[in-house]
Amino acid sequence: MANRTNQKSYISKVEKCKQRINEKPSKFLNKIGSFICSEAKRKQRKRKGRMRKGTQYWARKREKDLQIGTKCFYEPAFERGNKKIDSEPSFLPTVEENIDTIQQLVKASYSDLNGE
């Protein structure tokens, strides 16, 4: 018979890692959202009204996604343009220019899982 005092025990951290992975999207989406909003506000032309002040993000926990925009109803006219207003895009070019930074933020938020 084997001596039970010499047996090694292992502690499984799988459930803890699963929980942290499921918690993480809301944490790094807030960082990415605040970064993109600040960059988009810098690109927007200063006007009267609330479009620049109303630029914000929504990090949705249930859907695990990020929405960036304004609450102003007239913002799509400036973003896409129409026959009276020339287009002045600010959100899509901001995201396209900062893809590398966004990827670095995501990698940094998941890097702490490697230590466990």
N, C-alpha and C. Protein backbone atom coordinates (compact mmCIF):
# COMPACT_ATOMS: atom_id res chain seq x y z
N MET A 1 0.82 -1.18 0.00
CA MET A 1 0.00 0.00 0.00
C MET A 1 0.87 1.25 0.00
N ALA A 2 0.35 2.24 -0.72
CA ALA A 2 1.08 3.50 -0.81
C ALA A 2 0.83 4.34 0.44
N ASN A 3 1.84 5.04 0.82
CA ASN A 3 1.73 5.91 1.98
C ASN A 3 1.02 7.20 1.57
N ARG A 4 -0.05 7.53 2.23
CA ARG A 4 -0.85 8.71 1.85
C ARG A 4 -0.17 10.02 2.22
N THR A 5 0.76 10.02 3.08
CA THR A 5 1.41 11.26 3.45
C THR A 5 2.32 11.78 2.36
N ASN A 6 2.76 10.93 1.45
CA ASN A 6 3.65 11.35 0.37
C ASN A 6 2.90 11.78 -0.89
N GLN A 7 1.59 11.74 -0.88
CA GLN A 7 0.82 12.11 -2.06
C GLN A 7 0.82 13.62 -2.23
N LYS A 8 0.84 14.03 -3.49
CA LYS A 8 0.79 15.45 -3.81
C LYS A 8 -0.64 15.84 -4.13
N SER A 9 -1.01 17.01 -3.72
CA SER A 9 -2.36 17.49 -4.02
C SER A 9 -2.27 18.68 -4.97
N TYR A 10 -3.22 18.75 -5.87
CA TYR A 10 -3.28 19.82 -6.86
C TYR A 10 -4.57 20.60 -6.66
N ILE A 11 -4.46 21.90 -6.75
CA ILE A 11 -5.63 22.77 -6.61
C ILE A 11 -5.99 23.28 -8.00
N SER A 12 -7.21 23.03 -8.39
CA SER A 12 -7.67 23.46 -9.71
C SER A 12 -8.13 24.92 -9.66
N LYS A 13 -7.60 25.73 -10.56
CA LYS A 13 -7.98 27.14 -10.64
C LYS A 13 -8.78 27.43 -11.89
N VAL A 14 -9.32 26.38 -12.49
CA VAL A 14 -10.06 26.53 -13.75
C VAL A 14 -11.30 27.39 -13.55
N GLU A 15 -12.06 27.10 -12.49
CA GLU A 15 -13.30 27.85 -12.25
C GLU A 15 -12.99 29.32 -11.95
N LYS A 16 -11.91 29.56 -11.21
CA LYS A 16 -11.54 30.94 -10.89
C LYS A 16 -11.13 31.69 -12.16
N CYS A 17 -10.39 31.03 -13.04
CA CYS A 17 -9.98 31.66 -14.30
C CYS A 17 -11.18 31.92 -15.21
N LYS A 18 -12.12 30.98 -15.25
CA LYS A 18 -13.33 31.19 -16.06
C LYS A 18 -14.10 32.40 -15.57
N GLN A 19 -14.20 32.53 -14.26
CA GLN A 19 -14.92 33.66 -13.70
C GLN A 19 -14.21 34.98 -14.02
N ARG A 20 -12.90 35.00 -13.93
CA ARG A 20 -12.16 36.23 -14.23
C ARG A 20 -12.25 36.60 -15.70
N ILE A 21 -12.25 35.59 -16.58
CA ILE A 21 -12.39 35.87 -18.01
C ILE A 21 -13.76 36.46 -18.30
N ASN A 22 -14.79 35.94 -17.64
CA ASN A 22 -16.13 36.48 -17.85
C ASN A 22 -16.30 37.86 -17.24
N GLU A 23 -15.54 38.19 -16.19
CA GLU A 23 -15.61 39.52 -15.59
C GLU A 23 -14.82 40.54 -16.39
N LYS A 24 -13.78 40.12 -17.03
CA LYS A 24 -12.86 41.04 -17.69
C LYS A 24 -13.47 41.90 -18.79
N PRO A 25 -14.36 41.41 -19.65
CA PRO A 25 -14.83 42.27 -20.74
C PRO A 25 -15.36 43.61 -20.27
N SER A 26 -16.10 43.64 -19.19
CA SER A 26 -16.63 44.92 -18.72
C SER A 26 -15.52 45.84 -18.24
N LYS A 27 -14.45 45.27 -17.70
CA LYS A 27 -13.35 46.10 -17.21
C LYS A 27 -12.56 46.73 -18.34
N PHE A 28 -12.19 45.94 -19.35
CA PHE A 28 -11.38 46.54 -20.40
C PHE A 28 -12.22 47.31 -21.41
N LEU A 29 -13.51 47.02 -21.51
CA LEU A 29 -14.36 47.82 -22.40
C LEU A 29 -14.49 49.25 -21.88
N ASN A 30 -14.49 49.43 -20.57
CA ASN A 30 -14.53 50.79 -20.01
C ASN A 30 -13.26 51.56 -20.34
N LYS A 31 -12.11 50.90 -20.29
CA LYS A 31 -10.85 51.57 -20.63
C LYS A 31 -10.82 51.95 -22.11
N ILE A 32 -11.24 51.03 -22.97
CA ILE A 32 -11.23 51.29 -24.41
C ILE A 32 -12.23 52.38 -24.75
N GLY A 33 -13.41 52.33 -24.15
CA GLY A 33 -14.44 53.33 -24.42
C GLY A 33 -14.01 54.73 -24.03
N SER A 34 -13.40 54.88 -22.86
CA SER A 34 -12.96 56.21 -22.45
C SER A 34 -11.84 56.72 -23.35
N PHE A 35 -10.95 55.83 -23.79
CA PHE A 35 -9.87 56.24 -24.68
C PHE A 35 -10.41 56.71 -26.03
N ILE A 36 -11.32 55.93 -26.63
CA ILE A 36 -11.84 56.28 -27.95
C ILE A 36 -12.69 57.55 -27.88
N CYS A 37 -13.46 57.72 -26.81
CA CYS A 37 -14.27 58.94 -26.67
C CYS A 37 -13.39 60.18 -26.57
N SER A 38 -12.31 60.09 -25.81
CA SER A 38 -11.44 61.26 -25.70
C SER A 38 -10.78 61.59 -27.03
N GLU A 39 -10.38 60.56 -27.79
CA GLU A 39 -9.78 60.80 -29.10
C GLU A 39 -10.81 61.34 -30.10
N ALA A 40 -12.03 60.84 -30.05
CA ALA A 40 -13.07 61.31 -30.97
C ALA A 40 -13.45 62.75 -30.67
N LYS A 41 -13.48 63.12 -29.40
CA LYS A 41 -13.80 64.50 -29.03
C LYS A 41 -12.74 65.47 -29.55
N ARG A 42 -11.49 65.03 -29.56
CA ARG A 42 -10.44 65.90 -30.08
C ARG A 42 -10.58 66.12 -31.58
N LYS A 43 -11.12 65.13 -32.30
CA LYS A 43 -11.28 65.25 -33.75
C LYS A 43 -12.50 66.06 -34.16
N GLN A 44 -13.50 66.12 -33.30
CA GLN A 44 -14.72 66.83 -33.66
C GLN A 44 -14.48 68.33 -33.66
N ARG A 45 -15.10 68.98 -34.63
CA ARG A 45 -15.00 70.42 -34.73
C ARG A 45 -15.82 71.05 -33.62
N LYS A 46 -15.32 72.14 -33.05
CA LYS A 46 -16.02 72.79 -31.96
C LYS A 46 -17.21 73.56 -32.53
N ARG A 47 -18.39 73.25 -32.05
CA ARG A 47 -19.63 73.89 -32.50
C ARG A 47 -20.48 74.24 -31.30
N LYS A 48 -21.52 74.99 -31.59
CA LYS A 48 -22.53 75.20 -30.57
C LYS A 48 -23.35 73.93 -30.47
N GLY A 49 -23.95 73.71 -29.35
CA GLY A 49 -24.76 72.52 -29.18
C GLY A 49 -24.09 71.50 -28.28
N ARG A 50 -24.65 70.33 -28.25
CA ARG A 50 -24.22 69.31 -27.31
C ARG A 50 -23.55 68.11 -27.95
N MET A 51 -23.22 68.18 -29.23
CA MET A 51 -22.69 66.98 -29.88
C MET A 51 -21.33 66.58 -29.31
N ARG A 52 -20.45 67.53 -29.12
CA ARG A 52 -19.12 67.21 -28.59
C ARG A 52 -19.20 66.80 -27.11
N LYS A 53 -20.02 67.51 -26.35
CA LYS A 53 -20.18 67.17 -24.94
C LYS A 53 -20.94 65.86 -24.75
N GLY A 54 -21.80 65.53 -25.70
CA GLY A 54 -22.62 64.34 -25.59
C GLY A 54 -21.96 63.08 -26.10
N THR A 55 -20.73 63.17 -26.59
CA THR A 55 -20.02 61.98 -27.06
C THR A 55 -19.70 61.10 -25.87
N GLN A 56 -20.15 59.85 -25.94
CA GLN A 56 -19.97 58.95 -24.81
C GLN A 56 -19.94 57.50 -25.29
N TYR A 57 -19.72 56.61 -24.36
CA TYR A 57 -19.68 55.18 -24.68
C TYR A 57 -20.59 54.42 -23.72
N TRP A 58 -21.01 53.26 -24.18
CA TRP A 58 -21.83 52.37 -23.38
C TRP A 58 -21.18 50.99 -23.42
N ALA A 59 -20.65 50.53 -22.29
CA ALA A 59 -20.09 49.19 -22.18
C ALA A 59 -21.18 48.29 -21.62
N ARG A 60 -21.76 47.48 -22.48
CA ARG A 60 -22.90 46.66 -22.07
C ARG A 60 -22.40 45.31 -21.56
N LYS A 61 -22.78 44.98 -20.33
CA LYS A 61 -22.30 43.75 -19.69
C LYS A 61 -22.99 42.51 -20.25
N ARG A 62 -24.28 42.59 -20.47
CA ARG A 62 -25.01 41.41 -20.91
C ARG A 62 -24.59 41.01 -22.32
N GLU A 63 -24.48 41.99 -23.23
CA GLU A 63 -24.10 41.68 -24.61
C GLU A 63 -22.59 41.59 -24.79
N LYS A 64 -21.83 42.07 -23.80
CA LYS A 64 -20.37 42.09 -23.82
C LYS A 64 -19.84 42.80 -25.06
N ASP A 65 -20.37 44.02 -25.29
CA ASP A 65 -19.88 44.82 -26.40
C ASP A 65 -19.78 46.27 -25.98
N LEU A 66 -19.30 47.08 -26.89
CA LEU A 66 -19.06 48.50 -26.63
C LEU A 66 -19.71 49.32 -27.72
N GLN A 67 -20.47 50.33 -27.32
CA GLN A 67 -21.09 51.25 -28.27
C GLN A 67 -20.55 52.64 -28.00
N ILE A 68 -20.20 53.34 -29.08
CA ILE A 68 -19.67 54.69 -28.97
C ILE A 68 -20.51 55.59 -29.84
N GLY A 69 -20.91 56.74 -29.31
CA GLY A 69 -21.72 57.67 -30.09
C GLY A 69 -22.17 58.84 -29.24
N THR A 70 -23.18 59.53 -29.73
CA THR A 70 -23.76 60.64 -28.98
C THR A 70 -25.26 60.40 -28.85
N LYS A 71 -25.86 61.11 -27.91
CA LYS A 71 -27.30 61.02 -27.76
C LYS A 71 -28.01 62.04 -28.64
N CYS A 72 -27.26 62.89 -29.32
CA CYS A 72 -27.86 63.92 -30.17
C CYS A 72 -28.50 63.28 -31.40
N PHE A 73 -29.71 63.69 -31.70
CA PHE A 73 -30.42 63.10 -32.84
C PHE A 73 -29.84 63.57 -34.17
N TYR A 74 -29.13 64.69 -34.18
CA TYR A 74 -28.61 65.24 -35.43
C TYR A 74 -27.17 64.80 -35.71
N GLU A 75 -26.59 63.98 -34.86
CA GLU A 75 -25.21 63.54 -35.05
C GLU A 75 -25.00 62.74 -36.33
N PRO A 76 -25.90 61.84 -36.74
CA PRO A 76 -25.67 61.11 -37.99
C PRO A 76 -25.57 62.01 -39.21
N ALA A 77 -26.23 63.16 -39.19
CA ALA A 77 -26.13 64.09 -40.32
C ALA A 77 -24.70 64.62 -40.45
N PHE A 78 -24.04 64.88 -39.34
CA PHE A 78 -22.66 65.36 -39.40
C PHE A 78 -21.68 64.22 -39.65
N GLU A 79 -21.95 63.06 -39.11
CA GLU A 79 -21.04 61.93 -39.27
C GLU A 79 -21.05 61.40 -40.70
N ARG A 80 -22.22 61.20 -41.25
CA ARG A 80 -22.35 60.63 -42.60
C ARG A 80 -22.54 61.68 -43.68
N GLY A 81 -23.10 62.80 -43.31
CA GLY A 81 -23.37 63.85 -44.27
C GLY A 81 -24.71 63.65 -44.95
N ASN A 82 -25.21 64.72 -45.54
CA ASN A 82 -26.41 64.65 -46.37
C ASN A 82 -26.28 65.70 -47.45
N LYS A 83 -27.37 66.01 -48.14
CA LYS A 83 -27.22 66.93 -49.27
C LYS A 83 -26.95 68.37 -48.84
N LYS A 84 -27.23 68.72 -47.59
CA LYS A 84 -26.97 70.07 -47.11
C LYS A 84 -25.69 70.18 -46.28
N ILE A 85 -25.26 69.08 -45.70
CA ILE A 85 -24.12 69.10 -44.79
C ILE A 85 -23.05 68.14 -45.30
N ASP A 86 -21.82 68.62 -45.40
CA ASP A 86 -20.70 67.74 -45.77
C ASP A 86 -20.40 66.79 -44.61
N SER A 87 -19.97 65.59 -44.95
CA SER A 87 -19.68 64.61 -43.89
C SER A 87 -18.40 64.99 -43.16
N GLU A 88 -18.43 64.85 -41.85
CA GLU A 88 -17.27 65.08 -40.99
C GLU A 88 -17.14 63.88 -40.05
N PRO A 89 -16.67 62.75 -40.56
CA PRO A 89 -16.60 61.56 -39.70
C PRO A 89 -15.57 61.72 -38.59
N SER A 90 -15.93 61.26 -37.42
CA SER A 90 -15.00 61.33 -36.29
C SER A 90 -14.84 59.99 -35.59
N PHE A 91 -15.88 59.17 -35.56
CA PHE A 91 -15.80 57.91 -34.80
C PHE A 91 -15.05 56.82 -35.56
N LEU A 92 -15.43 56.55 -36.78
CA LEU A 92 -14.80 55.47 -37.55
C LEU A 92 -13.31 55.74 -37.80
N PRO A 93 -12.91 56.95 -38.23
CA PRO A 93 -11.46 57.18 -38.41
C PRO A 93 -10.68 57.06 -37.10
N THR A 94 -11.29 57.45 -35.99
CA THR A 94 -10.61 57.34 -34.70
C THR A 94 -10.34 55.88 -34.36
N VAL A 95 -11.32 55.02 -34.56
CA VAL A 95 -11.13 53.60 -34.27
C VAL A 95 -10.11 52.99 -35.22
N GLU A 96 -10.17 53.34 -36.51
CA GLU A 96 -9.23 52.78 -37.48
C GLU A 96 -7.79 53.20 -37.20
N GLU A 97 -7.59 54.43 -36.74
CA GLU A 97 -6.24 54.91 -36.46
C GLU A 97 -5.66 54.30 -35.19
N ASN A 98 -6.51 53.90 -34.26
CA ASN A 98 -6.04 53.44 -32.96
C ASN A 98 -6.24 51.94 -32.73
N ILE A 99 -6.27 51.16 -33.79
CA ILE A 99 -6.46 49.71 -33.64
C ILE A 99 -5.31 49.09 -32.84
N ASP A 100 -4.09 49.53 -33.09
CA ASP A 100 -2.94 48.98 -32.36
C ASP A 100 -3.04 49.28 -30.86
N THR A 101 -3.44 50.49 -30.52
CA THR A 101 -3.59 50.86 -29.11
C THR A 101 -4.69 50.05 -28.45
N ILE A 102 -5.78 49.83 -29.16
CA ILE A 102 -6.88 49.04 -28.61
C ILE A 102 -6.43 47.60 -28.36
N GLN A 103 -5.66 47.04 -29.29
CA GLN A 103 -5.16 45.68 -29.11
C GLN A 103 -4.21 45.60 -27.91
N GLN A 104 -3.39 46.63 -27.71
CA GLN A 104 -2.49 46.64 -26.56
C GLN A 104 -3.26 46.71 -25.25
N LEU A 105 -4.35 47.49 -25.22
CA LEU A 105 -5.18 47.57 -24.02
C LEU A 105 -5.82 46.22 -23.70
N VAL A 106 -6.26 45.51 -24.72
CA VAL A 106 -6.87 44.19 -24.51
C VAL A 106 -5.83 43.20 -24.01
N LYS A 107 -4.64 43.20 -24.62
CA LYS A 107 -3.58 42.29 -24.19
C LYS A 107 -3.16 42.57 -22.75
N ALA A 108 -3.07 43.84 -22.39
CA ALA A 108 -2.67 44.19 -21.02
C ALA A 108 -3.71 43.74 -20.00
N SER A 109 -4.98 43.81 -20.37
CA SER A 109 -6.01 43.41 -19.41
C SER A 109 -6.05 41.91 -19.21
N TYR A 110 -5.66 41.13 -20.21
CA TYR A 110 -5.64 39.68 -20.07
C TYR A 110 -4.29 39.13 -19.63
N SER A 111 -3.27 39.97 -19.54
CA SER A 111 -1.94 39.47 -19.20
C SER A 111 -1.84 38.97 -17.77
N ASP A 112 -2.68 39.47 -16.87
CA ASP A 112 -2.59 39.03 -15.49
C ASP A 112 -3.09 37.59 -15.30
N LEU A 113 -3.79 37.03 -16.28
CA LEU A 113 -4.22 35.63 -16.18
C LEU A 113 -3.07 34.66 -16.40
N ASN A 114 -1.99 35.10 -17.04
CA ASN A 114 -0.86 34.22 -17.29
C ASN A 114 -0.13 33.84 -16.00
N GLY A 115 -0.17 34.72 -15.02
CA GLY A 115 0.52 34.46 -13.76
C GLY A 115 -0.16 33.42 -12.89
N GLU A 116 -1.40 33.11 -13.18
CA GLU A 116 -2.13 32.16 -12.32
C GLU A 116 -2.19 30.79 -12.93
